[in-house]
Every structure is written in structure tokens, then in C-alpha cells.
N, C-alpha and C. Protein backbone atom coordinates (compact mmCIF):
# COMPACT_ATOMS: atom_id res chain seq x y z
N UNK A 1 0.86 -1.19 0.00
CA UNK A 1 0.00 0.00 0.00
C UNK A 1 0.90 1.24 0.00
N UNK A 2 1.02 1.88 -1.16
CA UNK A 2 1.97 2.97 -1.30
C UNK A 2 1.49 4.27 -0.66
N UNK A 3 0.21 4.55 -0.78
CA UNK A 3 -0.37 5.77 -0.22
C UNK A 3 -1.14 5.42 1.04
N UNK A 4 -0.96 6.21 2.08
CA UNK A 4 -1.70 5.97 3.30
C UNK A 4 -3.20 5.97 3.02
N UNK A 5 -3.94 5.10 3.66
CA UNK A 5 -5.39 5.12 3.45
C UNK A 5 -6.02 6.35 4.08
N UNK A 6 -7.23 6.65 3.64
CA UNK A 6 -8.05 7.63 4.35
C UNK A 6 -8.65 6.93 5.56
N UNK A 7 -8.78 7.64 6.66
CA UNK A 7 -9.42 7.08 7.85
C UNK A 7 -10.85 7.57 7.98
N UNK A 8 -11.73 6.69 8.39
CA UNK A 8 -13.14 7.03 8.57
C UNK A 8 -13.60 6.50 9.93
N UNK A 9 -14.04 7.41 10.80
CA UNK A 9 -14.57 7.03 12.10
C UNK A 9 -16.08 6.86 11.97
N UNK A 10 -16.56 5.67 12.30
CA UNK A 10 -17.98 5.34 12.15
C UNK A 10 -18.74 5.78 13.41
N UNK A 11 -19.49 6.86 13.28
CA UNK A 11 -20.24 7.40 14.42
C UNK A 11 -21.71 7.55 14.08
N UNK A 12 -22.21 6.68 13.21
CA UNK A 12 -23.59 6.82 12.75
C UNK A 12 -24.59 6.02 13.56
N UNK A 13 -24.15 5.31 14.61
CA UNK A 13 -25.06 4.49 15.39
C UNK A 13 -25.97 5.32 16.28
N UNK A 14 -26.97 4.64 16.85
CA UNK A 14 -27.97 5.32 17.68
C UNK A 14 -27.65 5.27 19.17
N UNK A 15 -26.61 4.54 19.57
CA UNK A 15 -26.14 4.50 20.97
C UNK A 15 -27.24 4.13 21.96
N UNK A 16 -28.09 3.17 21.59
CA UNK A 16 -29.22 2.81 22.46
C UNK A 16 -28.74 2.27 23.81
N UNK A 17 -27.69 1.44 23.80
CA UNK A 17 -27.23 0.83 25.05
C UNK A 17 -26.57 1.84 25.98
N UNK A 18 -26.16 2.98 25.41
CA UNK A 18 -25.58 4.04 26.22
C UNK A 18 -26.65 5.01 26.72
N UNK A 19 -27.89 4.76 26.28
CA UNK A 19 -28.98 5.64 26.69
C UNK A 19 -29.28 6.74 25.70
N UNK A 20 -28.78 6.59 24.46
CA UNK A 20 -29.00 7.59 23.43
C UNK A 20 -27.90 8.63 23.40
N UNK A 21 -27.99 9.54 22.43
CA UNK A 21 -26.95 10.55 22.26
C UNK A 21 -25.75 9.98 21.53
N UNK A 22 -24.69 10.73 21.48
CA UNK A 22 -23.46 10.32 20.79
C UNK A 22 -22.48 9.75 21.80
N UNK A 23 -22.31 8.43 21.79
CA UNK A 23 -21.38 7.84 22.76
C UNK A 23 -19.94 8.27 22.49
N UNK A 24 -19.66 8.69 21.26
CA UNK A 24 -18.32 9.18 20.94
C UNK A 24 -17.95 10.41 21.75
N UNK A 25 -18.96 11.10 22.28
CA UNK A 25 -18.71 12.31 23.05
C UNK A 25 -18.64 12.05 24.54
N UNK A 26 -18.87 10.80 24.98
CA UNK A 26 -18.69 10.48 26.39
C UNK A 26 -17.23 10.69 26.76
N UNK A 27 -16.98 11.15 27.97
CA UNK A 27 -15.63 11.54 28.36
C UNK A 27 -14.94 10.42 29.13
N UNK A 28 -13.70 10.20 28.76
CA UNK A 28 -12.85 9.20 29.39
C UNK A 28 -11.62 9.92 29.92
N UNK A 29 -11.48 9.96 31.25
CA UNK A 29 -10.40 10.72 31.88
C UNK A 29 -10.39 12.16 31.39
N UNK A 30 -11.58 12.72 31.23
CA UNK A 30 -11.71 14.12 30.86
C UNK A 30 -11.65 14.41 29.38
N UNK A 31 -11.45 13.38 28.54
CA UNK A 31 -11.34 13.58 27.10
C UNK A 31 -12.42 12.80 26.38
N UNK A 32 -13.06 13.40 25.40
CA UNK A 32 -14.08 12.69 24.63
C UNK A 32 -13.46 11.48 23.94
N UNK A 33 -14.21 10.38 23.91
CA UNK A 33 -13.71 9.16 23.27
C UNK A 33 -13.33 9.45 21.82
N UNK A 34 -14.12 10.24 21.12
CA UNK A 34 -13.81 10.56 19.73
C UNK A 34 -12.46 11.26 19.62
N UNK A 35 -12.17 12.17 20.54
CA UNK A 35 -10.88 12.86 20.51
C UNK A 35 -9.73 11.89 20.75
N UNK A 36 -9.95 10.90 21.61
CA UNK A 36 -8.93 9.86 21.82
C UNK A 36 -8.65 9.11 20.52
N UNK A 37 -9.71 8.77 19.79
CA UNK A 37 -9.57 8.03 18.54
C UNK A 37 -8.84 8.87 17.50
N UNK A 38 -9.22 10.14 17.39
CA UNK A 38 -8.58 11.02 16.42
C UNK A 38 -7.08 11.12 16.71
N UNK A 39 -6.72 11.21 17.98
CA UNK A 39 -5.31 11.30 18.34
C UNK A 39 -4.52 10.06 17.97
N UNK A 40 -5.16 8.91 18.01
CA UNK A 40 -4.46 7.66 17.70
C UNK A 40 -4.44 7.36 16.21
N UNK A 41 -5.55 7.62 15.53
CA UNK A 41 -5.66 7.24 14.13
C UNK A 41 -5.14 8.31 13.19
N UNK A 42 -5.29 9.58 13.57
CA UNK A 42 -4.88 10.67 12.69
C UNK A 42 -3.48 10.52 12.11
N UNK A 43 -2.46 10.20 12.93
CA UNK A 43 -1.10 10.08 12.38
C UNK A 43 -0.91 8.88 11.44
N UNK A 44 -1.84 7.94 11.45
CA UNK A 44 -1.68 6.72 10.65
C UNK A 44 -2.32 6.80 9.27
N UNK A 45 -3.08 7.87 9.00
CA UNK A 45 -3.82 7.96 7.75
C UNK A 45 -3.50 9.25 7.02
N UNK A 46 -3.89 9.33 5.76
CA UNK A 46 -3.61 10.53 4.96
C UNK A 46 -4.53 11.68 5.36
N UNK A 47 -5.76 11.37 5.69
CA UNK A 47 -6.70 12.33 6.25
C UNK A 47 -7.79 11.56 6.96
N UNK A 48 -8.56 12.26 7.78
CA UNK A 48 -9.53 11.59 8.64
C UNK A 48 -10.90 12.21 8.44
N UNK A 49 -11.90 11.33 8.24
CA UNK A 49 -13.28 11.75 8.05
C UNK A 49 -14.14 11.17 9.16
N UNK A 50 -15.36 11.70 9.27
CA UNK A 50 -16.31 11.23 10.27
C UNK A 50 -17.60 10.82 9.58
N UNK A 51 -17.99 9.57 9.78
CA UNK A 51 -19.30 9.10 9.29
C UNK A 51 -20.32 9.30 10.39
N UNK A 52 -21.25 10.22 10.18
CA UNK A 52 -22.30 10.49 11.15
C UNK A 52 -23.47 11.11 10.42
N UNK A 53 -24.62 11.08 11.06
CA UNK A 53 -25.82 11.66 10.48
C UNK A 53 -26.29 12.81 11.35
N UNK A 54 -26.67 13.92 10.73
CA UNK A 54 -27.03 15.11 11.49
C UNK A 54 -25.90 16.11 11.47
N UNK A 55 -26.02 17.20 12.22
CA UNK A 55 -25.02 18.27 12.18
C UNK A 55 -23.66 17.85 12.73
N UNK A 56 -22.60 18.24 12.03
CA UNK A 56 -21.25 17.88 12.44
C UNK A 56 -20.77 18.70 13.63
N UNK A 57 -21.36 19.89 13.83
CA UNK A 57 -20.86 20.81 14.84
C UNK A 57 -20.92 20.22 16.24
N UNK A 58 -21.84 19.29 16.48
CA UNK A 58 -21.99 18.75 17.83
C UNK A 58 -20.77 17.97 18.29
N UNK A 59 -19.93 17.53 17.35
CA UNK A 59 -18.75 16.76 17.72
C UNK A 59 -17.58 17.64 18.14
N UNK A 60 -17.62 18.92 17.79
CA UNK A 60 -16.58 19.83 18.23
C UNK A 60 -15.24 19.62 17.57
N UNK A 61 -15.19 18.90 16.47
CA UNK A 61 -13.94 18.65 15.76
C UNK A 61 -14.12 19.03 14.31
N UNK A 62 -13.06 19.54 13.72
CA UNK A 62 -13.14 19.98 12.32
C UNK A 62 -12.78 18.80 11.41
N UNK A 63 -13.68 17.83 11.38
CA UNK A 63 -13.50 16.67 10.50
C UNK A 63 -14.55 16.70 9.40
N UNK A 64 -14.18 16.40 8.16
CA UNK A 64 -15.19 16.32 7.11
C UNK A 64 -16.25 15.27 7.47
N UNK A 65 -17.51 15.63 7.28
CA UNK A 65 -18.61 14.74 7.62
C UNK A 65 -19.04 13.97 6.37
N UNK A 66 -19.15 12.65 6.52
CA UNK A 66 -19.60 11.78 5.45
C UNK A 66 -20.85 11.04 5.95
N UNK A 67 -22.05 11.52 5.63
CA UNK A 67 -23.26 10.86 6.11
C UNK A 67 -23.56 9.59 5.33
N UNK A 68 -24.40 8.74 5.92
CA UNK A 68 -24.86 7.55 5.21
C UNK A 68 -25.59 7.95 3.94
N UNK A 69 -25.39 7.17 2.88
CA UNK A 69 -26.14 7.40 1.64
C UNK A 69 -27.30 6.43 1.52
N UNK A 70 -27.36 5.44 2.42
CA UNK A 70 -28.43 4.46 2.43
C UNK A 70 -29.38 4.83 3.56
N UNK A 71 -30.68 4.92 3.32
CA UNK A 71 -31.62 5.40 4.35
C UNK A 71 -31.86 4.38 5.46
N UNK A 72 -32.49 4.85 6.53
CA UNK A 72 -32.98 4.02 7.64
C UNK A 72 -31.88 3.44 8.52
N UNK A 73 -30.71 4.07 8.55
CA UNK A 73 -29.63 3.67 9.45
C UNK A 73 -29.42 2.15 9.48
N UNK A 74 -29.02 1.56 8.35
CA UNK A 74 -28.91 0.10 8.29
C UNK A 74 -27.67 -0.48 8.95
N UNK A 75 -26.89 0.33 9.65
CA UNK A 75 -25.76 -0.22 10.38
C UNK A 75 -24.41 0.19 9.83
N UNK A 76 -23.35 -0.40 10.38
CA UNK A 76 -21.99 0.06 10.03
C UNK A 76 -21.61 -0.16 8.57
N UNK A 77 -22.20 -1.15 7.90
CA UNK A 77 -21.86 -1.35 6.49
C UNK A 77 -22.24 -0.12 5.66
N UNK A 78 -23.30 0.57 6.07
CA UNK A 78 -23.68 1.80 5.36
C UNK A 78 -22.62 2.86 5.52
N UNK A 79 -22.01 2.93 6.70
CA UNK A 79 -20.93 3.88 6.92
C UNK A 79 -19.71 3.55 6.10
N UNK A 80 -19.37 2.28 6.06
CA UNK A 80 -18.22 1.86 5.23
C UNK A 80 -18.47 2.21 3.77
N UNK A 81 -19.68 1.91 3.29
CA UNK A 81 -20.02 2.22 1.90
C UNK A 81 -19.94 3.71 1.63
N UNK A 82 -20.44 4.52 2.56
CA UNK A 82 -20.38 5.97 2.38
C UNK A 82 -18.95 6.45 2.25
N UNK A 83 -18.06 5.90 3.08
CA UNK A 83 -16.66 6.29 3.02
C UNK A 83 -15.99 5.89 1.72
N UNK A 84 -16.28 4.69 1.25
CA UNK A 84 -15.69 4.24 -0.02
C UNK A 84 -16.19 5.07 -1.19
N UNK A 85 -17.49 5.36 -1.20
CA UNK A 85 -18.05 6.19 -2.27
C UNK A 85 -17.46 7.60 -2.24
N UNK A 86 -17.34 8.16 -1.03
CA UNK A 86 -16.80 9.52 -0.90
C UNK A 86 -15.34 9.57 -1.37
N UNK A 87 -14.57 8.55 -1.02
CA UNK A 87 -13.17 8.51 -1.44
C UNK A 87 -13.06 8.41 -2.96
N UNK A 88 -13.92 7.61 -3.58
CA UNK A 88 -13.86 7.44 -5.03
C UNK A 88 -14.08 8.76 -5.77
N UNK A 89 -14.96 9.60 -5.21
CA UNK A 89 -15.29 10.88 -5.86
C UNK A 89 -14.25 11.95 -5.53
N UNK A 90 -13.86 12.04 -4.26
CA UNK A 90 -13.07 13.18 -3.82
C UNK A 90 -11.57 12.90 -3.71
N UNK A 91 -11.16 11.64 -3.63
CA UNK A 91 -9.75 11.29 -3.50
C UNK A 91 -9.43 10.09 -4.39
N UNK A 92 -9.52 10.27 -5.71
CA UNK A 92 -9.36 9.12 -6.61
C UNK A 92 -7.98 8.47 -6.57
N UNK A 93 -6.97 9.17 -6.02
CA UNK A 93 -5.64 8.58 -5.94
C UNK A 93 -5.48 7.64 -4.75
N UNK A 94 -6.40 7.69 -3.80
CA UNK A 94 -6.33 6.83 -2.62
C UNK A 94 -7.07 5.54 -2.91
N UNK A 95 -6.42 4.42 -2.65
CA UNK A 95 -7.00 3.13 -3.02
C UNK A 95 -7.67 2.40 -1.86
N UNK A 96 -7.43 2.83 -0.62
CA UNK A 96 -7.99 2.14 0.54
C UNK A 96 -8.55 3.13 1.56
N UNK A 97 -9.53 2.65 2.31
CA UNK A 97 -10.11 3.40 3.42
C UNK A 97 -10.03 2.53 4.68
N UNK A 98 -9.52 3.11 5.74
CA UNK A 98 -9.54 2.46 7.05
C UNK A 98 -10.80 2.88 7.78
N UNK A 99 -11.52 1.93 8.36
CA UNK A 99 -12.68 2.28 9.19
C UNK A 99 -12.47 1.80 10.61
N UNK A 100 -12.90 2.63 11.55
CA UNK A 100 -12.87 2.28 12.97
C UNK A 100 -14.15 2.80 13.60
N UNK A 101 -14.67 2.13 14.62
CA UNK A 101 -15.87 2.64 15.29
C UNK A 101 -15.53 3.79 16.23
N UNK A 102 -16.56 4.54 16.59
CA UNK A 102 -16.36 5.73 17.42
C UNK A 102 -16.37 5.42 18.91
N UNK A 103 -16.27 4.14 19.27
CA UNK A 103 -16.35 3.78 20.69
C UNK A 103 -15.17 2.96 21.17
N UNK A 104 -14.04 3.01 20.44
CA UNK A 104 -12.85 2.23 20.80
C UNK A 104 -11.70 3.18 21.15
N UNK A 105 -11.53 3.53 22.41
CA UNK A 105 -10.54 4.56 22.77
C UNK A 105 -9.10 4.09 22.81
N UNK A 106 -8.85 2.77 22.73
CA UNK A 106 -7.49 2.26 22.93
C UNK A 106 -6.88 1.68 21.65
N UNK A 107 -7.29 2.14 20.50
CA UNK A 107 -6.81 1.60 19.23
C UNK A 107 -5.29 1.63 19.15
N UNK A 108 -4.67 0.57 18.61
CA UNK A 108 -3.20 0.49 18.61
C UNK A 108 -2.54 1.42 17.60
N UNK A 109 -1.32 1.83 17.91
CA UNK A 109 -0.58 2.73 17.04
C UNK A 109 -0.10 2.05 15.76
N UNK A 110 -0.09 0.73 15.73
CA UNK A 110 0.36 0.01 14.54
C UNK A 110 -0.81 -0.56 13.75
N UNK A 111 -2.01 -0.03 13.96
CA UNK A 111 -3.20 -0.59 13.33
C UNK A 111 -3.10 -0.58 11.81
N UNK A 112 -2.84 0.58 11.24
CA UNK A 112 -2.81 0.68 9.78
C UNK A 112 -1.66 -0.12 9.19
N UNK A 113 -0.49 -0.04 9.79
CA UNK A 113 0.68 -0.74 9.24
C UNK A 113 0.43 -2.24 9.17
N UNK A 114 -0.12 -2.81 10.23
CA UNK A 114 -0.32 -4.26 10.24
C UNK A 114 -1.48 -4.69 9.34
N UNK A 115 -2.54 -3.91 9.32
CA UNK A 115 -3.65 -4.26 8.43
C UNK A 115 -3.24 -4.12 6.96
N UNK A 116 -2.51 -3.06 6.64
CA UNK A 116 -2.08 -2.86 5.27
C UNK A 116 -1.17 -3.99 4.80
N UNK A 117 -0.31 -4.46 5.69
CA UNK A 117 0.60 -5.55 5.33
C UNK A 117 -0.13 -6.86 5.06
N UNK A 118 -1.36 -6.98 5.59
CA UNK A 118 -2.11 -8.24 5.48
C UNK A 118 -3.14 -8.23 4.37
N UNK A 119 -3.30 -7.11 3.67
CA UNK A 119 -4.39 -7.03 2.70
C UNK A 119 -4.26 -8.07 1.58
N UNK A 120 -3.06 -8.30 1.10
CA UNK A 120 -2.83 -9.37 0.14
C UNK A 120 -3.68 -9.26 -1.12
N UNK A 121 -4.01 -10.40 -1.69
CA UNK A 121 -4.71 -10.44 -2.97
C UNK A 121 -6.12 -9.87 -2.88
N UNK A 122 -6.81 -10.15 -1.77
CA UNK A 122 -8.19 -9.68 -1.63
C UNK A 122 -8.26 -8.17 -1.45
N UNK A 123 -7.21 -7.59 -0.89
CA UNK A 123 -7.17 -6.16 -0.74
C UNK A 123 -7.79 -5.63 0.53
N UNK A 124 -8.33 -6.51 1.40
CA UNK A 124 -8.96 -6.05 2.63
C UNK A 124 -8.48 -6.87 3.81
N UNK A 125 -8.46 -6.24 4.99
CA UNK A 125 -8.06 -6.93 6.21
C UNK A 125 -8.74 -6.25 7.38
N UNK A 126 -9.06 -7.05 8.42
CA UNK A 126 -9.68 -6.48 9.61
C UNK A 126 -8.97 -7.02 10.85
N UNK A 127 -9.26 -6.40 11.98
CA UNK A 127 -8.57 -6.71 13.22
C UNK A 127 -9.29 -7.81 14.00
N UNK A 128 -8.53 -8.49 14.85
CA UNK A 128 -9.10 -9.44 15.80
C UNK A 128 -8.26 -9.43 17.06
N UNK A 129 -8.87 -9.85 18.16
CA UNK A 129 -8.15 -9.95 19.43
C UNK A 129 -8.88 -10.95 20.31
N UNK A 130 -8.11 -11.71 21.05
CA UNK A 130 -8.73 -12.69 21.94
C UNK A 130 -9.62 -13.67 21.22
N UNK A 131 -9.32 -13.96 19.97
CA UNK A 131 -10.13 -14.87 19.18
C UNK A 131 -11.41 -14.27 18.63
N UNK A 132 -11.62 -12.98 18.81
CA UNK A 132 -12.84 -12.31 18.35
C UNK A 132 -12.51 -11.38 17.19
N UNK A 133 -13.26 -11.50 16.12
CA UNK A 133 -13.04 -10.66 14.94
C UNK A 133 -13.79 -9.34 15.11
N UNK A 134 -13.10 -8.25 14.81
CA UNK A 134 -13.69 -6.91 14.88
C UNK A 134 -13.88 -6.42 13.45
N UNK A 135 -15.01 -6.78 12.88
CA UNK A 135 -15.21 -6.62 11.45
C UNK A 135 -15.29 -5.20 10.93
N UNK A 136 -15.58 -4.22 11.78
CA UNK A 136 -15.65 -2.84 11.28
C UNK A 136 -14.33 -2.11 11.44
N UNK A 137 -13.35 -2.77 12.07
CA UNK A 137 -12.01 -2.19 12.18
C UNK A 137 -11.18 -2.82 11.08
N UNK A 138 -11.15 -2.15 9.94
CA UNK A 138 -10.52 -2.78 8.79
C UNK A 138 -10.06 -1.79 7.74
N UNK A 139 -9.31 -2.33 6.79
CA UNK A 139 -8.85 -1.59 5.62
C UNK A 139 -9.54 -2.18 4.41
N UNK A 140 -10.19 -1.31 3.61
CA UNK A 140 -11.02 -1.77 2.50
C UNK A 140 -10.60 -1.08 1.21
N UNK A 141 -10.50 -1.82 0.10
CA UNK A 141 -10.21 -1.17 -1.17
C UNK A 141 -11.40 -0.35 -1.66
N UNK A 142 -11.13 0.83 -2.15
CA UNK A 142 -12.19 1.69 -2.67
C UNK A 142 -12.94 0.97 -3.79
N UNK A 143 -12.24 0.15 -4.55
CA UNK A 143 -12.85 -0.56 -5.67
C UNK A 143 -13.91 -1.57 -5.23
N UNK A 144 -13.95 -1.91 -3.94
CA UNK A 144 -14.93 -2.90 -3.47
C UNK A 144 -16.29 -2.27 -3.20
N UNK A 145 -16.43 -0.98 -3.42
CA UNK A 145 -17.69 -0.32 -3.07
C UNK A 145 -18.88 -0.85 -3.86
N UNK A 146 -18.65 -1.25 -5.11
CA UNK A 146 -19.76 -1.75 -5.93
C UNK A 146 -20.30 -3.06 -5.37
N UNK A 147 -19.40 -3.94 -4.95
CA UNK A 147 -19.82 -5.21 -4.37
C UNK A 147 -20.52 -4.98 -3.03
N UNK A 148 -20.01 -4.05 -2.23
CA UNK A 148 -20.65 -3.76 -0.96
C UNK A 148 -22.05 -3.18 -1.16
N UNK A 149 -22.22 -2.33 -2.16
CA UNK A 149 -23.54 -1.77 -2.42
C UNK A 149 -24.51 -2.88 -2.84
N UNK A 150 -24.05 -3.81 -3.67
CA UNK A 150 -24.92 -4.94 -4.06
C UNK A 150 -25.34 -5.74 -2.83
N UNK A 151 -24.38 -6.00 -1.96
CA UNK A 151 -24.67 -6.78 -0.76
C UNK A 151 -25.69 -6.07 0.13
N UNK A 152 -25.46 -4.78 0.37
CA UNK A 152 -26.27 -4.03 1.32
C UNK A 152 -27.61 -3.59 0.75
N UNK A 153 -27.59 -3.07 -0.46
CA UNK A 153 -28.80 -2.48 -1.04
C UNK A 153 -29.61 -3.51 -1.82
N UNK A 154 -28.96 -4.21 -2.73
CA UNK A 154 -29.71 -5.15 -3.59
C UNK A 154 -30.10 -6.42 -2.85
N UNK A 155 -29.18 -6.94 -2.02
CA UNK A 155 -29.45 -8.21 -1.34
C UNK A 155 -29.98 -8.01 0.08
N UNK A 156 -29.89 -6.80 0.59
CA UNK A 156 -30.42 -6.50 1.92
C UNK A 156 -29.67 -7.15 3.06
N UNK A 157 -28.40 -7.48 2.86
CA UNK A 157 -27.58 -8.11 3.90
C UNK A 157 -26.88 -7.02 4.70
N UNK A 158 -27.17 -6.96 6.00
CA UNK A 158 -26.60 -5.93 6.85
C UNK A 158 -25.53 -6.46 7.80
N UNK A 159 -25.38 -7.75 7.87
CA UNK A 159 -24.42 -8.35 8.82
C UNK A 159 -22.99 -8.09 8.34
N UNK A 160 -22.18 -7.63 9.26
CA UNK A 160 -20.78 -7.34 8.91
C UNK A 160 -20.06 -8.61 8.49
N UNK A 161 -20.36 -9.74 9.17
CA UNK A 161 -19.66 -10.97 8.80
C UNK A 161 -20.01 -11.42 7.38
N UNK A 162 -21.20 -11.05 6.91
CA UNK A 162 -21.55 -11.34 5.51
C UNK A 162 -20.64 -10.60 4.55
N UNK A 163 -20.29 -9.36 4.90
CA UNK A 163 -19.37 -8.59 4.08
C UNK A 163 -17.95 -9.16 4.15
N UNK A 164 -17.52 -9.54 5.34
CA UNK A 164 -16.17 -10.09 5.47
C UNK A 164 -16.00 -11.34 4.61
N UNK A 165 -17.02 -12.17 4.60
CA UNK A 165 -16.95 -13.39 3.78
C UNK A 165 -16.95 -13.06 2.30
N UNK A 166 -17.81 -12.15 1.90
CA UNK A 166 -17.89 -11.77 0.47
C UNK A 166 -16.58 -11.15 0.00
N UNK A 167 -15.96 -10.34 0.86
CA UNK A 167 -14.73 -9.63 0.47
C UNK A 167 -13.48 -10.48 0.62
N UNK A 168 -13.60 -11.68 1.21
CA UNK A 168 -12.42 -12.52 1.44
C UNK A 168 -11.42 -11.84 2.35
N UNK A 169 -11.91 -11.23 3.42
CA UNK A 169 -11.09 -10.38 4.27
C UNK A 169 -10.12 -11.18 5.13
N UNK A 170 -8.86 -10.78 5.12
CA UNK A 170 -7.86 -11.36 6.02
C UNK A 170 -8.05 -10.79 7.42
N UNK A 171 -7.62 -11.53 8.43
CA UNK A 171 -7.70 -11.04 9.81
C UNK A 171 -6.29 -10.95 10.40
N UNK A 172 -6.10 -9.96 11.25
CA UNK A 172 -4.82 -9.72 11.92
C UNK A 172 -5.08 -9.72 13.41
N UNK A 173 -4.35 -10.54 14.15
CA UNK A 173 -4.59 -10.72 15.59
C UNK A 173 -3.69 -9.81 16.42
N UNK A 174 -4.30 -9.17 17.41
CA UNK A 174 -3.59 -8.42 18.45
C UNK A 174 -3.82 -9.11 19.78
N UNK A 175 -2.85 -9.05 20.71
CA UNK A 175 -3.07 -9.64 22.03
C UNK A 175 -4.14 -8.88 22.81
N UNK A 176 -4.94 -9.60 23.57
CA UNK A 176 -6.01 -9.00 24.36
C UNK A 176 -5.60 -8.76 25.80
N UNK A 177 -4.34 -9.03 26.12
CA UNK A 177 -3.81 -8.81 27.46
C UNK A 177 -2.59 -7.89 27.37
N UNK A 178 -2.38 -7.02 28.34
CA UNK A 178 -3.11 -6.87 29.61
C UNK A 178 -4.47 -6.18 29.46
N UNK A 179 -4.72 -5.58 28.28
CA UNK A 179 -6.04 -5.03 27.99
C UNK A 179 -6.27 -5.17 26.49
N UNK A 180 -7.52 -5.21 26.11
CA UNK A 180 -7.86 -5.38 24.70
C UNK A 180 -7.80 -4.03 24.00
N UNK A 181 -6.94 -3.88 22.97
CA UNK A 181 -6.86 -2.59 22.28
C UNK A 181 -8.13 -2.23 21.54
N UNK A 182 -9.03 -3.21 21.38
CA UNK A 182 -10.29 -2.95 20.68
C UNK A 182 -11.48 -2.97 21.64
N UNK A 183 -11.20 -2.75 22.91
CA UNK A 183 -12.27 -2.62 23.89
C UNK A 183 -13.21 -1.50 23.44
N UNK A 184 -14.51 -1.80 23.41
CA UNK A 184 -15.44 -0.77 22.95
C UNK A 184 -16.42 -0.39 24.06
N UNK A 185 -16.75 0.88 24.07
CA UNK A 185 -17.59 1.46 25.12
C UNK A 185 -19.02 1.56 24.60
N UNK A 186 -19.85 0.59 24.99
CA UNK A 186 -21.24 0.56 24.55
C UNK A 186 -22.22 0.99 25.63
N UNK A 187 -21.86 0.79 26.89
CA UNK A 187 -22.76 1.02 28.01
C UNK A 187 -22.07 1.86 29.08
N UNK A 188 -22.82 2.41 30.03
CA UNK A 188 -22.18 3.11 31.14
C UNK A 188 -21.21 2.22 31.92
N UNK A 189 -21.53 0.93 32.01
CA UNK A 189 -20.61 0.00 32.68
C UNK A 189 -19.30 -0.14 31.93
N UNK A 190 -19.38 -0.15 30.58
CA UNK A 190 -18.15 -0.22 29.77
C UNK A 190 -17.30 1.04 29.99
N UNK A 191 -17.96 2.17 30.11
CA UNK A 191 -17.21 3.42 30.32
C UNK A 191 -16.47 3.37 31.65
N UNK A 192 -17.12 2.84 32.68
CA UNK A 192 -16.46 2.69 33.98
C UNK A 192 -15.28 1.73 33.88
N UNK A 193 -15.44 0.65 33.11
CA UNK A 193 -14.34 -0.31 32.94
C UNK A 193 -13.18 0.33 32.18
N UNK A 194 -13.48 1.16 31.19
CA UNK A 194 -12.43 1.86 30.46
C UNK A 194 -11.64 2.79 31.38
N UNK A 195 -12.35 3.42 32.31
CA UNK A 195 -11.66 4.27 33.29
C UNK A 195 -10.71 3.44 34.15
N UNK A 196 -11.14 2.23 34.51
CA UNK A 196 -10.29 1.33 35.29
C UNK A 196 -9.05 0.94 34.49
N UNK A 197 -9.21 0.66 33.21
CA UNK A 197 -8.07 0.30 32.37
C UNK A 197 -7.05 1.44 32.35
N UNK A 198 -7.55 2.67 32.21
CA UNK A 198 -6.63 3.82 32.18
C UNK A 198 -5.93 4.01 33.52
N UNK A 199 -6.62 3.71 34.60
CA UNK A 199 -5.97 3.86 35.90
C UNK A 199 -4.82 2.87 36.06
N UNK A 200 -5.02 1.65 35.56
CA UNK A 200 -3.97 0.62 35.68
C UNK A 200 -2.90 0.77 34.60
N UNK A 201 -3.30 1.28 33.42
CA UNK A 201 -2.37 1.41 32.28
C UNK A 201 -2.51 2.82 31.70
N UNK A 202 -1.88 3.80 32.32
CA UNK A 202 -2.06 5.20 31.92
C UNK A 202 -1.68 5.48 30.46
N UNK A 203 -0.85 4.64 29.86
CA UNK A 203 -0.45 4.88 28.46
C UNK A 203 -1.30 4.08 27.49
N UNK A 204 -2.37 3.44 27.99
CA UNK A 204 -3.25 2.63 27.11
C UNK A 204 -3.84 3.49 26.00
């Protein structure tokens, strides 16, 4: 992968388990989770976008907003598709897009390098840890957008694992100890656990 991918933070979810609102704006040790993600992913990509629906100003960051192009909030695959379509139009020289969710504050500094090295013939790779695949944390070729649109729109398949299988996605494993770098904050309890992780591992 000669050119760094574009990064896309997926923040289009409804955050029901967090009680509504934007969970990306929940604060962890005084810093919004989204700001933590931007600090980790920004240096690894050529530029960083935000997939969200509604006004961008509420996030307090000057990131280009890429809304879903598929109606009815069909899930993270719609965000991935929006990012691939946006890259094809606005950044035709970039061949890949990295996607990460807006609720993972501990993303590793070598995420892009390791995923890019694993893309291989299929051109896509996603992260795993502790034997669990994290299908929305991945690098995707912009050219795969047509197949993803067929899967999501024409066939009505919204499951991320359906996309991973169709794309022939490689997986890259990270250790889940002493903490999982892909720990995600879905509930108030998860947020409390993330605070505990930071107390024990301040550089997490």
C-alpha cells in the first residue's frame, strides 16, 4: 500500500445501550472518546473523516462529515459504503479506506501498518483480538464499493460478517492482554471499565 489510506470514524449508530446521544462524546479521563480516537488514528492515515448523520458541529472537531447514503440507518456497512463512495469521488488517488468505530478509545498505534501488510490479494483486512473478529475495524479497497452496495442495497444483507466473507477479508490478531486494544464502550458500565483500564495502564 503505497499511499496511506483515508481514515473514517464510524459514528452513525444510535447508541441505544448508552442511553441515546453520541457515545463518541462520552468523556474518558476528561477527554471525549472521539478525541482519543482522532489522536491515535490521525497520524496513521492521509486524512480523517467522520461518518455520522445530522449536524457535524456537535462533535466539536473539524473533521469532514460523510453521512450515510443508504436510508434508515442500516448499520456500520452503510458507513463503510459511504466512506468508499466519498473517497472514489473526492480522493481518486487513494485506493484504501480504514474504518474504525467511534467507541474504541485504545486503538493500537500500529493498526494501519499491520492491516495494510495483510491485505494481500483480496485487498482487505480487519482486526481481531482474543479470538474475536472486529469486522468494522478494517482496511477496504475503494474498488470494493460496488460489491458492498450490491450486498447491502440489492441483497439487503446488513451483517458485517456477511461482508467479510464476500470480500475474502484477512484477519490480523492483536493480544487482548493486559487489555484489549479494541475494547469498545457501549454502556455506562463499559465506560467505567475503560476508566479502570486507564488507571492501571495510563499509556493505554
